[in-house]
Amino acid sequence: MKKSETPTKQREEFLPFTEAAKLLGSGNHTRIAQLVKQGILPAYTLPLTDKLRVRKSDVFRLAQPTH
């Protein structure tokens, strides 16, 4: 391993809308689709799937209370 590489760097985890909804406690994937459509939650197209995904870190950020 080269010194410039960081072994602790984690890969970003992407979730289907249904799993994201469970994390937020919002019921079903429709609420996540609405957040994506409103531009509140970014969605991504990944290889080997035709369904959009959201980043787990973005979902957790949404769950954080704002001050």
N, C-alpha and C. Protein backbone atom coordinates (compact mmCIF):
# COMPACT_ATOMS: atom_id res chain seq x y z
N MET A 1 0.85 -1.18 0.00
CA MET A 1 0.00 0.00 0.00
C MET A 1 0.89 1.23 0.00
N LYS A 2 0.53 2.21 -0.82
CA LYS A 2 1.26 3.47 -0.87
C LYS A 2 0.92 4.32 0.35
N LYS A 3 1.85 5.17 0.73
CA LYS A 3 1.62 6.04 1.88
C LYS A 3 0.47 7.02 1.65
N SER A 4 0.25 7.40 0.40
CA SER A 4 -0.81 8.37 0.11
C SER A 4 -2.20 7.77 0.21
N GLU A 5 -2.30 6.45 0.21
CA GLU A 5 -3.60 5.80 0.33
C GLU A 5 -4.04 5.78 1.79
N THR A 6 -5.33 5.99 1.99
CA THR A 6 -5.85 5.96 3.35
C THR A 6 -6.68 4.70 3.54
N PRO A 7 -6.20 3.78 4.36
CA PRO A 7 -6.92 2.52 4.55
C PRO A 7 -8.23 2.68 5.29
N THR A 8 -8.43 3.80 5.98
CA THR A 8 -9.64 3.98 6.77
C THR A 8 -10.78 4.61 5.97
N LYS A 9 -10.50 5.04 4.75
CA LYS A 9 -11.54 5.67 3.93
C LYS A 9 -12.62 4.65 3.60
N GLN A 10 -13.87 5.00 3.90
CA GLN A 10 -14.98 4.09 3.67
C GLN A 10 -15.65 4.40 2.34
N ARG A 11 -16.19 3.37 1.73
CA ARG A 11 -16.97 3.57 0.52
C ARG A 11 -18.35 4.07 0.90
N GLU A 12 -18.87 4.93 0.08
CA GLU A 12 -20.21 5.48 0.33
C GLU A 12 -21.24 4.39 0.10
N GLU A 13 -22.23 4.32 0.98
CA GLU A 13 -23.28 3.32 0.85
C GLU A 13 -24.52 3.97 0.24
N PHE A 14 -25.08 3.31 -0.77
CA PHE A 14 -26.28 3.79 -1.44
C PHE A 14 -27.45 2.88 -1.10
N LEU A 15 -28.60 3.48 -0.86
CA LEU A 15 -29.77 2.74 -0.42
C LEU A 15 -30.92 2.87 -1.42
N PRO A 16 -31.70 1.80 -1.56
CA PRO A 16 -32.96 1.94 -2.30
C PRO A 16 -33.91 2.83 -1.50
N PHE A 17 -34.89 3.40 -2.16
CA PHE A 17 -35.82 4.31 -1.50
C PHE A 17 -36.52 3.66 -0.31
N THR A 18 -36.85 2.39 -0.42
CA THR A 18 -37.56 1.70 0.67
C THR A 18 -36.72 1.64 1.93
N GLU A 19 -35.43 1.33 1.79
CA GLU A 19 -34.55 1.28 2.97
C GLU A 19 -34.35 2.67 3.56
N ALA A 20 -34.24 3.67 2.70
CA ALA A 20 -34.09 5.04 3.19
C ALA A 20 -35.32 5.47 3.97
N ALA A 21 -36.50 5.08 3.50
CA ALA A 21 -37.74 5.42 4.20
C ALA A 21 -37.78 4.76 5.57
N LYS A 22 -37.30 3.53 5.67
CA LYS A 22 -37.26 2.85 6.97
C LYS A 22 -36.34 3.58 7.94
N LEU A 23 -35.19 4.05 7.44
CA LEU A 23 -34.26 4.78 8.31
C LEU A 23 -34.88 6.08 8.83
N LEU A 24 -35.66 6.74 7.98
CA LEU A 24 -36.30 7.99 8.39
C LEU A 24 -37.58 7.76 9.17
N GLY A 25 -38.09 6.52 9.14
CA GLY A 25 -39.34 6.24 9.81
C GLY A 25 -40.52 6.88 9.10
N SER A 26 -40.38 7.08 7.78
CA SER A 26 -41.42 7.79 7.05
C SER A 26 -42.40 6.87 6.34
N GLY A 27 -42.36 5.60 6.59
CA GLY A 27 -43.37 4.72 6.03
C GLY A 27 -42.97 3.98 4.78
N ASN A 28 -42.96 4.68 3.62
CA ASN A 28 -42.66 3.96 2.39
C ASN A 28 -41.81 4.79 1.44
N HIS A 29 -41.50 4.19 0.30
CA HIS A 29 -40.60 4.81 -0.67
C HIS A 29 -41.17 6.08 -1.31
N THR A 30 -42.48 6.26 -1.26
CA THR A 30 -43.11 7.42 -1.88
C THR A 30 -42.60 8.73 -1.26
N ARG A 31 -42.42 8.73 0.04
CA ARG A 31 -41.92 9.94 0.73
C ARG A 31 -40.51 10.28 0.26
N ILE A 32 -39.67 9.28 0.06
CA ILE A 32 -38.31 9.51 -0.42
C ILE A 32 -38.36 10.06 -1.84
N ALA A 33 -39.22 9.49 -2.68
CA ALA A 33 -39.37 9.98 -4.05
C ALA A 33 -39.80 11.45 -4.06
N GLN A 34 -40.66 11.84 -3.14
CA GLN A 34 -41.10 13.23 -3.05
C GLN A 34 -39.93 14.14 -2.67
N LEU A 35 -39.12 13.69 -1.71
CA LEU A 35 -37.95 14.49 -1.28
C LEU A 35 -36.96 14.65 -2.43
N VAL A 36 -36.80 13.61 -3.23
CA VAL A 36 -35.92 13.69 -4.40
C VAL A 36 -36.49 14.66 -5.42
N LYS A 37 -37.77 14.54 -5.70
CA LYS A 37 -38.42 15.41 -6.69
C LYS A 37 -38.36 16.88 -6.26
N GLN A 38 -38.45 17.14 -4.96
CA GLN A 38 -38.40 18.50 -4.44
C GLN A 38 -36.97 19.04 -4.36
N GLY A 39 -35.98 18.20 -4.63
CA GLY A 39 -34.59 18.63 -4.58
C GLY A 39 -34.00 18.65 -3.19
N ILE A 40 -34.70 18.08 -2.23
CA ILE A 40 -34.23 18.06 -0.84
C ILE A 40 -33.21 16.94 -0.62
N LEU A 41 -33.41 15.84 -1.33
CA LEU A 41 -32.54 14.67 -1.20
C LEU A 41 -32.02 14.29 -2.58
N PRO A 42 -30.69 14.31 -2.77
CA PRO A 42 -30.16 13.93 -4.08
C PRO A 42 -30.27 12.42 -4.32
N ALA A 43 -30.48 12.04 -5.56
CA ALA A 43 -30.56 10.63 -5.93
C ALA A 43 -29.54 10.35 -7.03
N TYR A 44 -29.13 9.10 -7.12
CA TYR A 44 -28.06 8.71 -8.03
C TYR A 44 -28.44 7.47 -8.81
N THR A 45 -27.96 7.41 -10.04
CA THR A 45 -28.10 6.22 -10.86
C THR A 45 -26.81 5.42 -10.73
N LEU A 46 -26.95 4.15 -10.40
CA LEU A 46 -25.79 3.29 -10.24
C LEU A 46 -25.75 2.25 -11.36
N PRO A 47 -24.56 1.74 -11.64
CA PRO A 47 -24.46 0.70 -12.66
C PRO A 47 -25.24 -0.55 -12.24
N LEU A 48 -25.71 -1.27 -13.21
CA LEU A 48 -26.38 -2.56 -13.03
C LEU A 48 -27.76 -2.48 -12.37
N THR A 49 -28.33 -1.30 -12.28
CA THR A 49 -29.69 -1.17 -11.77
C THR A 49 -30.38 -0.01 -12.48
N ASP A 50 -31.66 -0.12 -12.67
CA ASP A 50 -32.40 0.96 -13.31
C ASP A 50 -33.11 1.84 -12.29
N LYS A 51 -32.99 1.50 -11.02
CA LYS A 51 -33.65 2.27 -9.96
C LYS A 51 -32.67 3.29 -9.36
N LEU A 52 -33.21 4.44 -8.99
CA LEU A 52 -32.41 5.46 -8.33
C LEU A 52 -32.07 5.02 -6.90
N ARG A 53 -30.99 5.52 -6.40
CA ARG A 53 -30.55 5.26 -5.03
C ARG A 53 -30.22 6.59 -4.35
N VAL A 54 -30.24 6.58 -3.03
CA VAL A 54 -29.83 7.75 -2.25
C VAL A 54 -28.67 7.35 -1.35
N ARG A 55 -27.82 8.32 -1.04
CA ARG A 55 -26.69 8.03 -0.17
C ARG A 55 -27.17 7.93 1.28
N LYS A 56 -26.65 6.95 1.97
CA LYS A 56 -27.01 6.75 3.37
C LYS A 56 -26.65 7.99 4.19
N SER A 57 -25.51 8.59 3.90
CA SER A 57 -25.09 9.78 4.64
C SER A 57 -26.06 10.95 4.43
N ASP A 58 -26.64 11.07 3.22
CA ASP A 58 -27.63 12.11 2.97
C ASP A 58 -28.91 11.87 3.76
N VAL A 59 -29.29 10.61 3.87
CA VAL A 59 -30.49 10.26 4.64
C VAL A 59 -30.28 10.60 6.11
N PHE A 60 -29.10 10.26 6.64
CA PHE A 60 -28.81 10.58 8.04
C PHE A 60 -28.75 12.08 8.25
N ARG A 61 -28.22 12.82 7.27
CA ARG A 61 -28.17 14.28 7.37
C ARG A 61 -29.58 14.85 7.47
N LEU A 62 -30.51 14.29 6.70
CA LEU A 62 -31.91 14.74 6.76
C LEU A 62 -32.52 14.48 8.13
N ALA A 63 -32.12 13.40 8.76
CA ALA A 63 -32.69 13.02 10.04
C ALA A 63 -32.17 13.89 11.18
N GLN A 64 -31.07 14.63 10.95
CA GLN A 64 -30.50 15.48 11.98
C GLN A 64 -31.37 16.72 12.18
N PRO A 65 -31.65 17.07 13.41
CA PRO A 65 -32.42 18.30 13.64
C PRO A 65 -31.60 19.52 13.27
N THR A 66 -32.25 20.52 12.69
CA THR A 66 -31.55 21.76 12.35
C THR A 66 -31.85 22.80 13.43
N HIS A 67 -30.89 23.65 13.64
CA HIS A 67 -31.05 24.66 14.70
C HIS A 67 -31.28 26.01 14.11
